[in-house]
Amino acid sequence: MPYILCVYYSRTGHTEKLVREIAQELKCECVKLDDGVDRSGLRGWLRSGMQAMARQVPDVGEIKTVLPLNAYDLVVIGTPVWAGRCSAPVRSFLKKYGKQLRRVAYLVTRGSDVRYEEVFEQMDLYVTAPHVHAVTIRPQTVGSTFWRDEFVSAIRNGGKER
């Protein structure tokens, strides 16, 4: 059985819900990133978008996992799309820890019909090997459960699509 870790950031709870469901299905450890920044309301939304556009990397501190990061066979990274980019806390995590991750998969949540697949390439800049699987999901829409389940199936399949 492979060792899998899910790491995510969620401002509104949509990414958190999906990543926790995935972690439960995969029976794996799940860690939420926290940068200590108030991102609530309109002001938080604006701050988040501006940080993403400026490619800022707020400190997410040390994350506590059962194993060292390089011991996981796969790390699933969940992030919302902010201004066409991954969230600033996830960028910070990738910049700080990305070279320690052996294999990664990405779950990107979005609020529009735009798929934002270029976010995968942005995230790949911080890791040693390109992602093995990735999906963008618009939460609470028809089909979001299907894509979540397809993602879980691909992870169980070693990262390869069916």
Foldseek 3Di string as FASTA:
>chain_A
DFAEEEEEEDLPCQQVVLSVVLCVVVVHHYWYFDLPDNLDDPVSLVVFLVCFVVLAARDRDDTDDPDPQLRGPEYEYEAEQRNLEGTNPVSNCLQVCQASHPEYEYEYEYQDPDFSPVNQVVSQVRHDDRHLYYGYAHPPDPCRVVRSVQCSVCVVVVSHGD
